Amino acid sequence: MADDFVKTDRNLKVTLDLDNQLTWGELFRFVDLARAGVVSPSDPVALEYDPNESMPVITGLTVYVDPADISQDN
């Protein structure tokens, strides 16, 4: 490990793809991960967009969490 490496909080990015295969269970799991990552209900949801579209098209939802906040049960 480099001497200049500093561990930061919320360094795990979890993205939920929004497509026609999305299930309620996947959505619930994503929300559970966000809650475990200490996301406040008033925090804005981070959106991912398709970079290949001329008009903004939302392709996913993103949350940043600290891996230590995620239990083995999640």
PDB file of N, CA and C in Angstrom:
ATOM      1  N   MET A   1       0.850  -1.177   0.000  1.00  0.00           N
ATOM      2  CA  MET A   1       0.000   0.000   0.000  1.00  0.00           C
ATOM      3  C   MET A   1       0.891   1.234   0.000  1.00  0.00           C
ATOM      4  N   ALA A   2       0.565   2.198  -0.830  1.00  0.00           N
ATOM      5  CA  ALA A   2       1.360   3.424  -0.914  1.00  0.00           C
ATOM      6  C   ALA A   2       1.241   4.238   0.361  1.00  0.00           C
ATOM      7  N   ASP A   3       2.332   4.954   0.673  1.00  0.00           N
ATOM      8  CA  ASP A   3       2.339   5.785   1.879  1.00  0.00           C
ATOM      9  C   ASP A   3       1.334   6.915   1.819  1.00  0.00           C
ATOM     10  N   ASP A   4       0.998   7.378   0.610  1.00  0.00           N
ATOM     11  CA  ASP A   4       0.079   8.496   0.478  1.00  0.00           C
ATOM     12  C   ASP A   4      -1.384   8.057   0.395  1.00  0.00           C
ATOM     13  N   PHE A   5      -1.639   6.755   0.533  1.00  0.00           N
ATOM     14  CA  PHE A   5      -3.018   6.247   0.486  1.00  0.00           C
ATOM     15  C   PHE A   5      -3.756   6.634   1.757  1.00  0.00           C
ATOM     16  N   VAL A   6      -4.931   7.212   1.587  1.00  0.00           N
ATOM     17  CA  VAL A   6      -5.778   7.572   2.721  1.00  0.00           C
ATOM     18  C   VAL A   6      -7.156   6.992   2.459  1.00  0.00           C
ATOM     19  N   LYS A   7      -7.635   6.156   3.397  1.00  0.00           N
ATOM     20  CA  LYS A   7      -8.965   5.576   3.256  1.00  0.00           C
ATOM     21  C   LYS A   7      -9.990   6.668   3.501  1.00  0.00           C
ATOM     22  N   THR A   8     -10.961   6.740   2.626  1.00  0.00           N
ATOM     23  CA  THR A   8     -12.019   7.731   2.768  1.00  0.00           C
ATOM     24  C   THR A   8     -13.333   7.027   3.074  1.00  0.00           C
ATOM     25  N   ASP A   9     -14.245   7.758   3.664  1.00  0.00           N
ATOM     26  CA  ASP A   9     -15.581   7.227   3.935  1.00  0.00           C
ATOM     27  C   ASP A   9     -16.330   7.051   2.624  1.00  0.00           C
ATOM     28  N   ARG A  10     -17.317   6.182   2.653  1.00  0.00           N
ATOM     29  CA  ARG A  10     -18.224   5.983   1.523  1.00  0.00           C
ATOM     30  C   ARG A  10     -17.467   5.754   0.220  1.00  0.00           C
ATOM     31  N   ASN A  11     -16.601   4.785   0.215  1.00  0.00           N
ATOM     32  CA  ASN A  11     -15.782   4.574  -0.972  1.00  0.00           C
ATOM     33  C   ASN A  11     -16.258   3.431  -1.859  1.00  0.00           C
ATOM     34  N   LEU A  12     -17.447   2.925  -1.597  1.00  0.00           N
ATOM     35  CA  LEU A  12     -18.006   1.870  -2.428  1.00  0.00           C
ATOM     36  C   LEU A  12     -19.202   2.451  -3.188  1.00  0.00           C
ATOM     37  N   LYS A  13     -19.148   2.359  -4.504  1.00  0.00           N
ATOM     38  CA  LYS A  13     -20.231   2.881  -5.338  1.00  0.00           C
ATOM     39  C   LYS A  13     -21.122   1.721  -5.758  1.00  0.00           C
ATOM     40  N   VAL A  14     -22.413   1.842  -5.462  1.00  0.00           N
ATOM     41  CA  VAL A  14     -23.390   0.831  -5.846  1.00  0.00           C
ATOM     42  C   VAL A  14     -24.351   1.488  -6.836  1.00  0.00           C
ATOM     43  N   THR A  15     -24.497   0.870  -8.002  1.00  0.00           N
ATOM     44  CA  THR A  15     -25.384   1.412  -9.028  1.00  0.00           C
ATOM     45  C   THR A  15     -26.484   0.407  -9.330  1.00  0.00           C
ATOM     46  N   LEU A  16     -27.695   0.904  -9.399  1.00  0.00           N
ATOM     47  CA  LEU A  16     -28.848   0.092  -9.769  1.00  0.00           C
ATOM     48  C   LEU A  16     -29.255   0.486 -11.176  1.00  0.00           C
ATOM     49  N   ASP A  17     -29.125  -0.447 -12.114  1.00  0.00           N
ATOM     50  CA  ASP A  17     -29.510  -0.169 -13.494  1.00  0.00           C
ATOM     51  C   ASP A  17     -31.031  -0.091 -13.606  1.00  0.00           C
ATOM     52  N   LEU A  18     -31.499   0.919 -14.314  1.00  0.00           N
ATOM     53  CA  LEU A  18     -32.934   1.073 -14.561  1.00  0.00           C
ATOM     54  C   LEU A  18     -33.227   0.537 -15.958  1.00  0.00           C
ATOM     55  N   ASP A  19     -33.813  -0.626 -15.987  1.00  0.00           N
ATOM     56  CA  ASP A  19     -34.185  -1.232 -17.262  1.00  0.00           C
ATOM     57  C   ASP A  19     -35.462  -2.037 -17.060  1.00  0.00           C
ATOM     58  N   ASN A  20     -35.939  -2.681 -18.090  1.00  0.00           N
ATOM     59  CA  ASN A  20     -37.206  -3.404 -17.985  1.00  0.00           C
ATOM     60  C   ASN A  20     -37.074  -4.736 -17.250  1.00  0.00           C
ATOM     61  N   GLN A  21     -35.884  -5.050 -16.757  1.00  0.00           N
ATOM     62  CA  GLN A  21     -35.668  -6.260 -15.967  1.00  0.00           C
ATOM     63  C   GLN A  21     -35.634  -5.973 -14.463  1.00  0.00           C
ATOM     64  N   LEU A  22     -35.713  -4.703 -14.067  1.00  0.00           N
ATOM     65  CA  LEU A  22     -35.644  -4.321 -12.663  1.00  0.00           C
ATOM     66  C   LEU A  22     -36.813  -4.907 -11.877  1.00  0.00           C
ATOM     67  N   THR A  23     -36.510  -5.523 -10.751  1.00  0.00           N
ATOM     68  CA  THR A  23     -37.558  -6.082  -9.899  1.00  0.00           C
ATOM     69  C   THR A  23     -37.702  -5.241  -8.628  1.00  0.00           C
ATOM     70  N   TRP A  24     -38.828  -5.397  -7.961  1.00  0.00           N
ATOM     71  CA  TRP A  24     -39.038  -4.713  -6.684  1.00  0.00           C
ATOM     72  C   TRP A  24     -38.009  -5.178  -5.662  1.00  0.00           C
ATOM     73  N   GLY A  25     -37.672  -6.452  -5.704  1.00  0.00           N
ATOM     74  CA  GLY A  25     -36.674  -6.977  -4.774  1.00  0.00           C
ATOM     75  C   GLY A  25     -35.330  -6.290  -4.941  1.00  0.00           C
ATOM     76  N   GLU A  26     -34.908  -6.050  -6.182  1.00  0.00           N
ATOM     77  CA  GLU A  26     -33.649  -5.349  -6.440  1.00  0.00           C
ATOM     78  C   GLU A  26     -33.726  -3.909  -5.946  1.00  0.00           C
ATOM     79  N   LEU A  27     -34.870  -3.284  -6.153  1.00  0.00           N
ATOM     80  CA  LEU A  27     -35.051  -1.919  -5.676  1.00  0.00           C
ATOM     81  C   LEU A  27     -35.017  -1.865  -4.151  1.00  0.00           C
ATOM     82  N   PHE A  28     -35.703  -2.801  -3.497  1.00  0.00           N
ATOM     83  CA  PHE A  28     -35.679  -2.866  -2.029  1.00  0.00           C
ATOM     84  C   PHE A  28     -34.261  -3.076  -1.518  1.00  0.00           C
ATOM     85  N   ARG A  29     -33.511  -3.955  -2.166  1.00  0.00           N
ATOM     86  CA  ARG A  29     -32.124  -4.238  -1.767  1.00  0.00           C
ATOM     87  C   ARG A  29     -31.267  -2.993  -1.910  1.00  0.00           C
ATOM     88  N   PHE A  30     -31.436  -2.262  -2.990  1.00  0.00           N
ATOM     89  CA  PHE A  30     -30.696  -1.022  -3.201  1.00  0.00           C
ATOM     90  C   PHE A  30     -30.996  -0.016  -2.088  1.00  0.00           C
ATOM     91  N   VAL A  31     -32.267   0.134  -1.753  1.00  0.00           N
ATOM     92  CA  VAL A  31     -32.657   1.061  -0.687  1.00  0.00           C
ATOM     93  C   VAL A  31     -32.087   0.596   0.656  1.00  0.00           C
ATOM     94  N   ASP A  32     -32.099  -0.700   0.916  1.00  0.00           N
ATOM     95  CA  ASP A  32     -31.512  -1.228   2.150  1.00  0.00           C
ATOM     96  C   ASP A  32     -30.014  -0.909   2.227  1.00  0.00           C
ATOM     97  N   LEU A  33     -29.311  -1.030   1.103  1.00  0.00           N
ATOM     98  CA  LEU A  33     -27.888  -0.686   1.080  1.00  0.00           C
ATOM     99  C   LEU A  33     -27.683   0.805   1.346  1.00  0.00           C
ATOM    100  N   ALA A  34     -28.544   1.640   0.767  1.00  0.00           N
ATOM    101  CA  ALA A  34     -28.452   3.079   0.999  1.00  0.00           C
ATOM    102  C   ALA A  34     -28.683   3.399   2.473  1.00  0.00           C
ATOM    103  N   ARG A  35     -29.673   2.760   3.069  1.00  0.00           N
ATOM    104  CA  ARG A  35     -29.942   2.984   4.499  1.00  0.00           C
ATOM    105  C   ARG A  35     -28.766   2.532   5.348  1.00  0.00           C
ATOM    106  N   ALA A  36     -28.172   1.400   5.013  1.00  0.00           N
ATOM    107  CA  ALA A  36     -27.010   0.899   5.753  1.00  0.00           C
ATOM    108  C   ALA A  36     -25.819   1.835   5.582  1.00  0.00           C
ATOM    109  N   GLY A  37     -25.780   2.543   4.464  1.00  0.00           N
ATOM    110  CA  GLY A  37     -24.696   3.470   4.188  1.00  0.00           C
ATOM    111  C   GLY A  37     -24.923   4.848   4.761  1.00  0.00           C
ATOM    112  N   VAL A  38     -25.859   4.975   5.658  1.00  0.00           N
ATOM    113  CA  VAL A  38     -26.157   6.218   6.363  1.00  0.00           C
ATOM    114  C   VAL A  38     -26.614   7.323   5.407  1.00  0.00           C
ATOM    115  N   VAL A  39     -27.468   6.961   4.474  1.00  0.00           N
ATOM    116  CA  VAL A  39     -28.077   7.950   3.582  1.00  0.00           C
ATOM    117  C   VAL A  39     -29.326   8.484   4.269  1.00  0.00           C
ATOM    118  N   SER A  40     -29.442   9.777   4.304  1.00  0.00           N
ATOM    119  CA  SER A  40     -30.602  10.413   4.922  1.00  0.00           C
ATOM    120  C   SER A  40     -31.762  10.439   3.933  1.00  0.00           C
ATOM    121  N   PRO A  41     -32.994  10.307   4.411  1.00  0.00           N
ATOM    122  CA  PRO A  41     -34.144  10.385   3.501  1.00  0.00           C
ATOM    123  C   PRO A  41     -34.219  11.704   2.734  1.00  0.00           C
ATOM    124  N   SER A  42     -33.600  12.744   3.238  1.00  0.00           N
ATOM    125  CA  SER A  42     -33.635  14.041   2.549  1.00  0.00           C
ATOM    126  C   SER A  42     -32.489  14.217   1.554  1.00  0.00           C
ATOM    127  N   ASP A  43     -31.541  13.276   1.506  1.00  0.00           N
ATOM    128  CA  ASP A  43     -30.441  13.359   0.536  1.00  0.00           C
ATOM    129  C   ASP A  43     -30.980  13.150  -0.876  1.00  0.00           C
ATOM    130  N   PRO A  44     -30.445  13.887  -1.846  1.00  0.00           N
ATOM    131  CA  PRO A  44     -30.879  13.659  -3.227  1.00  0.00           C
ATOM    132  C   PRO A  44     -30.348  12.320  -3.740  1.00  0.00           C
ATOM    133  N   VAL A  45     -31.087  11.708  -4.637  1.00  0.00           N
ATOM    134  CA  VAL A  45     -30.669  10.452  -5.244  1.00  0.00           C
ATOM    135  C   VAL A  45     -29.718  10.783  -6.392  1.00  0.00           C
ATOM    136  N   ALA A  46     -28.554  10.141  -6.407  1.00  0.00           N
ATOM    137  CA  ALA A  46     -27.601  10.352  -7.497  1.00  0.00           C
ATOM    138  C   ALA A  46     -28.073   9.564  -8.715  1.00  0.00           C
ATOM    139  N   LEU A  47     -28.106  10.221  -9.842  1.00  0.00           N
ATOM    140  CA  LEU A  47     -28.584   9.608 -11.076  1.00  0.00           C
ATOM    141  C   LEU A  47     -27.423   9.390 -12.035  1.00  0.00           C
ATOM    142  N   GLU A  48     -27.512   8.331 -12.822  1.00  0.00           N
ATOM    143  CA  GLU A  48     -26.546   8.084 -13.885  1.00  0.00           C
ATOM    144  C   GLU A  48     -27.272   8.237 -15.212  1.00  0.00           C
ATOM    145  N   TYR A  49     -26.571   8.845 -16.165  1.00  0.00           N
ATOM    146  CA  TYR A  49     -27.151   9.118 -17.473  1.00  0.00           C
ATOM    147  C   TYR A  49     -26.381   8.374 -18.557  1.00  0.00           C
ATOM    148  N   ASP A  50     -27.055   8.075 -19.651  1.00  0.00           N
ATOM    149  CA  ASP A  50     -26.411   7.448 -20.794  1.00  0.00           C
ATOM    150  C   ASP A  50     -25.572   8.505 -21.514  1.00  0.00           C
ATOM    151  N   PRO A  51     -24.257   8.315 -21.558  1.00  0.00           N
ATOM    152  CA  PRO A  51     -23.406   9.325 -22.193  1.00  0.00           C
ATOM    153  C   PRO A  51     -23.538   9.352 -23.713  1.00  0.00           C
ATOM    154  N   ASN A  52     -24.178   8.357 -24.296  1.00  0.00           N
ATOM    155  CA  ASN A  52     -24.292   8.274 -25.744  1.00  0.00           C
ATOM    156  C   ASN A  52     -25.564   8.904 -26.300  1.00  0.00           C
ATOM    157  N   GLU A  53     -26.422   9.384 -25.431  1.00  0.00           N
ATOM    158  CA  GLU A  53     -27.689   9.979 -25.870  1.00  0.00           C
ATOM    159  C   GLU A  53     -27.554  11.497 -25.972  1.00  0.00           C
ATOM    160  N   SER A  54     -28.195  12.087 -26.976  1.00  0.00           N
ATOM    161  CA  SER A  54     -28.156  13.549 -27.122  1.00  0.00           C
ATOM    162  C   SER A  54     -29.044  14.228 -26.079  1.00  0.00           C
ATOM    163  N   MET A  55     -30.136  13.571 -25.715  1.00  0.00           N
ATOM    164  CA  MET A  55     -31.006  14.066 -24.640  1.00  0.00           C
ATOM    165  C   MET A  55     -30.689  13.252 -23.388  1.00  0.00           C
ATOM    166  N   PRO A  56     -30.729  13.874 -22.200  1.00  0.00           N
ATOM    167  CA  PRO A  56     -30.419  13.119 -20.985  1.00  0.00           C
ATOM    168  C   PRO A  56     -31.389  11.945 -20.772  1.00  0.00           C
ATOM    169  N   VAL A  57     -30.837  10.753 -20.661  1.00  0.00           N
ATOM    170  CA  VAL A  57     -31.618   9.549 -20.401  1.00  0.00           C
ATOM    171  C   VAL A  57     -31.058   8.904 -19.137  1.00  0.00           C
ATOM    172  N   ILE A  58     -31.898   8.799 -18.110  1.00  0.00           N
ATOM    173  CA  ILE A  58     -31.456   8.205 -16.846  1.00  0.00           C
ATOM    174  C   ILE A  58     -31.341   6.691 -17.027  1.00  0.00           C
ATOM    175  N   THR A  59     -30.173   6.161 -16.685  1.00  0.00           N
ATOM    176  CA  THR A  59     -29.941   4.719 -16.831  1.00  0.00           C
ATOM    177  C   THR A  59     -29.746   4.013 -15.500  1.00  0.00           C
ATOM    178  N   GLY A  60     -29.557   4.778 -14.419  1.00  0.00           N
ATOM    179  CA  GLY A  60     -29.328   4.118 -13.142  1.00  0.00           C
ATOM    180  C   GLY A  60     -29.385   5.067 -11.963  1.00  0.00           C
ATOM    181  N   LEU A  61     -29.440   4.470 -10.788  1.00  0.00           N
ATOM    182  CA  LEU A  61     -29.382   5.186  -9.515  1.00  0.00           C
ATOM    183  C   LEU A  61     -28.090   4.774  -8.831  1.00  0.00           C
ATOM    184  N   THR A  62     -27.462   5.698  -8.129  1.00  0.00           N
ATOM    185  CA  THR A  62     -26.180   5.422  -7.495  1.00  0.00           C
ATOM    186  C   THR A  62     -26.212   5.844  -6.039  1.00  0.00           C
ATOM    187  N   VAL A  63     -25.530   5.064  -5.206  1.00  0.00           N
ATOM    188  CA  VAL A  63     -25.318   5.434  -3.815  1.00  0.00           C
ATOM    189  C   VAL A  63     -23.883   5.070  -3.459  1.00  0.00           C
ATOM    190  N   TYR A  64     -23.263   5.901  -2.656  1.00  0.00           N
ATOM    191  CA  TYR A  64     -21.911   5.637  -2.164  1.00  0.00           C
ATOM    192  C   TYR A  64     -22.024   5.216  -0.709  1.00  0.00           C
ATOM    193  N   VAL A  65     -21.422   4.080  -0.382  1.00  0.00           N
ATOM    194  CA  VAL A  65     -21.495   3.552   0.981  1.00  0.00           C
ATOM    195  C   VAL A  65     -20.107   3.162   1.463  1.00  0.00           C
ATOM    196  N   ASP A  66     -19.971   3.080   2.758  1.00  0.00           N
ATOM    197  CA  ASP A  66     -18.761   2.556   3.373  1.00  0.00           C
ATOM    198  C   ASP A  66     -18.966   1.060   3.515  1.00  0.00           C
ATOM    199  N   PRO A  67     -18.103   0.223   2.965  1.00  0.00           N
ATOM    200  CA  PRO A  67     -18.281  -1.212   3.053  1.00  0.00           C
ATOM    201  C   PRO A  67     -18.460  -1.720   4.482  1.00  0.00           C
ATOM    202  N   ALA A  68     -17.885  -1.025   5.455  1.00  0.00           N
ATOM    203  CA  ALA A  68     -18.006  -1.446   6.846  1.00  0.00           C
ATOM    204  C   ALA A  68     -19.447  -1.324   7.352  1.00  0.00           C
ATOM    205  N   ASP A  69     -20.263  -0.496   6.677  1.00  0.00           N
ATOM    206  CA  ASP A  69     -21.649  -0.304   7.083  1.00  0.00           C
ATOM    207  C   ASP A  69     -22.579  -1.387   6.555  1.00  0.00           C
ATOM    208  N   ILE A  70     -22.065  -2.246   5.687  1.00  0.00           N
ATOM    209  CA  ILE A  70     -22.891  -3.278   5.072  1.00  0.00           C
ATOM    210  C   ILE A  70     -22.686  -4.590   5.810  1.00  0.00           C
ATOM    211  N   SER A  71     -23.753  -5.077   6.419  1.00  0.00           N
ATOM    212  CA  SER A  71     -23.656  -6.349   7.129  1.00  0.00           C
ATOM    213  C   SER A  71     -23.689  -7.506   6.138  1.00  0.00           C
ATOM    214  N   GLN A  72     -23.304  -8.661   6.581  1.00  0.00           N
ATOM    215  CA  GLN A  72     -23.336  -9.852   5.745  1.00  0.00           C
ATOM    216  C   GLN A  72     -24.752 -10.235   5.377  1.00  0.00           C
ATOM    217  N   ASP A  73     -25.749  -9.759   6.126  1.00  0.00           N
ATOM    218  CA  ASP A  73     -27.150 -10.098   5.862  1.00  0.00           C
ATOM    219  C   ASP A  73     -27.731  -9.277   4.730  1.00  0.00           C
ATOM    220  N   ASN A  74     -27.104  -8.142   4.373  1.00  0.00           N
ATOM    221  CA  ASN A  74     -27.629  -7.268   3.312  1.00  0.00           C
ATOM    222  C   ASN A  74     -27.298  -7.790   1.953  1.00  0.00           C
TER     223      ASN A  74
END
